[in-house]
Amino acid sequence: MHGCGRFFNCIRDTVTDRIAATYKPDQAPPS
């Protein structure tokens, strides 16, 4: 695996490209 996906995940608004939240891969996504 390459890129930042192995260090953290992010939830991004696809319209504005604004990052709403970040979380570690072993954590559940924030709701």
PDB file of N, CA and C in Angstrom:
ATOM      1  N   MET A   1       0.847  -1.181   0.000  1.00  0.00           N
ATOM      2  CA  MET A   1       0.000   0.000   0.000  1.00  0.00           C
ATOM      3  C   MET A   1       0.889   1.240   0.000  1.00  0.00           C
ATOM      4  N   HIS A   2       0.525   2.198  -0.795  1.00  0.00           N
ATOM      5  CA  HIS A   2       1.293   3.439  -0.888  1.00  0.00           C
ATOM      6  C   HIS A   2       0.420   4.612  -0.459  1.00  0.00           C
ATOM      7  N   GLY A   3       1.053   5.714  -0.142  1.00  0.00           N
ATOM      8  CA  GLY A   3       0.326   6.935   0.191  1.00  0.00           C
ATOM      9  C   GLY A   3      -0.051   7.014   1.657  1.00  0.00           C
ATOM     10  N   CYS A   4      -0.843   8.022   1.971  1.00  0.00           N
ATOM     11  CA  CYS A   4      -1.169   8.301   3.365  1.00  0.00           C
ATOM     12  C   CYS A   4      -2.233   7.361   3.915  1.00  0.00           C
ATOM     13  N   GLY A   5      -2.851   6.531   3.076  1.00  0.00           N
ATOM     14  CA  GLY A   5      -3.892   5.624   3.543  1.00  0.00           C
ATOM     15  C   GLY A   5      -3.423   4.638   4.584  1.00  0.00           C
ATOM     16  N   ARG A   6      -2.120   4.342   4.608  1.00  0.00           N
ATOM     17  CA  ARG A   6      -1.643   3.395   5.622  1.00  0.00           C
ATOM     18  C   ARG A   6      -1.378   4.077   6.964  1.00  0.00           C
ATOM     19  N   PHE A   7      -1.381   5.410   7.002  1.00  0.00           N
ATOM     20  CA  PHE A   7      -1.147   6.153   8.239  1.00  0.00           C
ATOM     21  C   PHE A   7      -2.431   6.731   8.812  1.00  0.00           C
ATOM     22  N   PHE A   8      -3.313   7.200   7.966  1.00  0.00           N
ATOM     23  CA  PHE A   8      -4.597   7.720   8.425  1.00  0.00           C
ATOM     24  C   PHE A   8      -5.593   7.719   7.273  1.00  0.00           C
ATOM     25  N   ASN A   9      -6.873   7.760   7.634  1.00  0.00           N
ATOM     26  CA  ASN A   9      -7.951   7.888   6.660  1.00  0.00           C
ATOM     27  C   ASN A   9      -8.589   9.253   6.845  1.00  0.00           C
ATOM     28  N   CYS A  10      -9.218   9.755   5.817  1.00  0.00           N
ATOM     29  CA  CYS A  10      -9.910  11.029   5.961  1.00  0.00           C
ATOM     30  C   CYS A  10     -11.274  10.962   5.299  1.00  0.00           C
ATOM     31  N   ILE A  11     -12.177  11.770   5.829  1.00  0.00           N
ATOM     32  CA  ILE A  11     -13.499  11.938   5.243  1.00  0.00           C
ATOM     33  C   ILE A  11     -13.486  13.305   4.578  1.00  0.00           C
ATOM     34  N   ARG A  12     -13.724  13.306   3.259  1.00  0.00           N
ATOM     35  CA  ARG A  12     -13.590  14.541   2.494  1.00  0.00           C
ATOM     36  C   ARG A  12     -14.892  14.844   1.763  1.00  0.00           C
ATOM     37  N   ASP A  13     -15.264  16.123   1.761  1.00  0.00           N
ATOM     38  CA  ASP A  13     -16.413  16.566   0.982  1.00  0.00           C
ATOM     39  C   ASP A  13     -16.000  16.601  -0.484  1.00  0.00           C
ATOM     40  N   THR A  14     -16.649  15.800  -1.312  1.00  0.00           N
ATOM     41  CA  THR A  14     -16.238  15.697  -2.716  1.00  0.00           C
ATOM     42  C   THR A  14     -16.598  16.935  -3.530  1.00  0.00           C
ATOM     43  N   VAL A  15     -17.489  17.765  -3.017  1.00  0.00           N
ATOM     44  CA  VAL A  15     -17.872  18.982  -3.738  1.00  0.00           C
ATOM     45  C   VAL A  15     -16.860  20.095  -3.483  1.00  0.00           C
ATOM     46  N   THR A  16     -16.515  20.299  -2.209  1.00  0.00           N
ATOM     47  CA  THR A  16     -15.637  21.415  -1.849  1.00  0.00           C
ATOM     48  C   THR A  16     -14.196  20.982  -1.602  1.00  0.00           C
ATOM     49  N   ASP A  17     -13.935  19.665  -1.595  1.00  0.00           N
ATOM     50  CA  ASP A  17     -12.617  19.115  -1.268  1.00  0.00           C
ATOM     51  C   ASP A  17     -12.167  19.456   0.151  1.00  0.00           C
ATOM     52  N   ARG A  18     -13.111  19.832   1.001  1.00  0.00           N
ATOM     53  CA  ARG A  18     -12.797  20.134   2.396  1.00  0.00           C
ATOM     54  C   ARG A  18     -12.724  18.833   3.181  1.00  0.00           C
ATOM     55  N   ILE A  19     -11.676  18.684   3.996  1.00  0.00           N
ATOM     56  CA  ILE A  19     -11.535  17.487   4.824  1.00  0.00           C
ATOM     57  C   ILE A  19     -12.370  17.669   6.089  1.00  0.00           C
ATOM     58  N   ALA A  20     -13.324  16.768   6.283  1.00  0.00           N
ATOM     59  CA  ALA A  20     -14.249  16.873   7.407  1.00  0.00           C
ATOM     60  C   ALA A  20     -13.678  16.229   8.668  1.00  0.00           C
ATOM     61  N   ALA A  21     -12.931  15.118   8.503  1.00  0.00           N
ATOM     62  CA  ALA A  21     -12.400  14.413   9.664  1.00  0.00           C
ATOM     63  C   ALA A  21     -11.275  13.496   9.227  1.00  0.00           C
ATOM     64  N   THR A  22     -10.388  13.198  10.167  1.00  0.00           N
ATOM     65  CA  THR A  22      -9.341  12.207   9.924  1.00  0.00           C
ATOM     66  C   THR A  22      -9.367  11.203  11.065  1.00  0.00           C
ATOM     67  N   TYR A  23      -8.952   9.984  10.773  1.00  0.00           N
ATOM     68  CA  TYR A  23      -8.910   8.943  11.797  1.00  0.00           C
ATOM     69  C   TYR A  23      -7.912   7.889  11.390  1.00  0.00           C
ATOM     70  N   LYS A  24      -7.380   7.182  12.384  1.00  0.00           N
ATOM     71  CA  LYS A  24      -6.391   6.140  12.127  1.00  0.00           C
ATOM     72  C   LYS A  24      -7.058   4.929  11.487  1.00  0.00           C
ATOM     73  N   PRO A  25      -6.319   4.167  10.672  1.00  0.00           N
ATOM     74  CA  PRO A  25      -6.909   3.018   9.975  1.00  0.00           C
ATOM     75  C   PRO A  25      -7.524   1.969  10.902  1.00  0.00           C
ATOM     76  N   ASP A  26      -7.012   1.834  12.126  1.00  0.00           N
ATOM     77  CA  ASP A  26      -7.551   0.822  13.035  1.00  0.00           C
ATOM     78  C   ASP A  26      -8.716   1.336  13.876  1.00  0.00           C
ATOM     79  N   GLN A  27      -9.154   2.573  13.634  1.00  0.00           N
ATOM     80  CA  GLN A  27     -10.285   3.138  14.354  1.00  0.00           C
ATOM     81  C   GLN A  27     -11.519   3.139  13.462  1.00  0.00           C
ATOM     82  N   ALA A  28     -12.679   3.179  14.088  1.00  0.00           N
ATOM     83  CA  ALA A  28     -13.920   3.296  13.327  1.00  0.00           C
ATOM     84  C   ALA A  28     -14.060   4.733  12.831  1.00  0.00           C
ATOM     85  N   PRO A  29     -14.658   4.924  11.658  1.00  0.00           N
ATOM     86  CA  PRO A  29     -14.867   6.288  11.165  1.00  0.00           C
ATOM     87  C   PRO A  29     -15.775   7.078  12.096  1.00  0.00           C
ATOM     88  N   PRO A  30     -15.472   8.350  12.308  1.00  0.00           N
ATOM     89  CA  PRO A  30     -16.353   9.167  13.151  1.00  0.00           C
ATOM     90  C   PRO A  30     -17.701   9.374  12.463  1.00  0.00           C
ATOM     91  N   SER A  31     -18.749   9.475  13.262  1.00  0.00           N
ATOM     92  CA  SER A  31     -20.074   9.640  12.648  1.00  0.00           C
ATOM     93  C   SER A  31     -20.560  11.075  12.735  1.00  0.00           C
TER      94      SER A  31
END
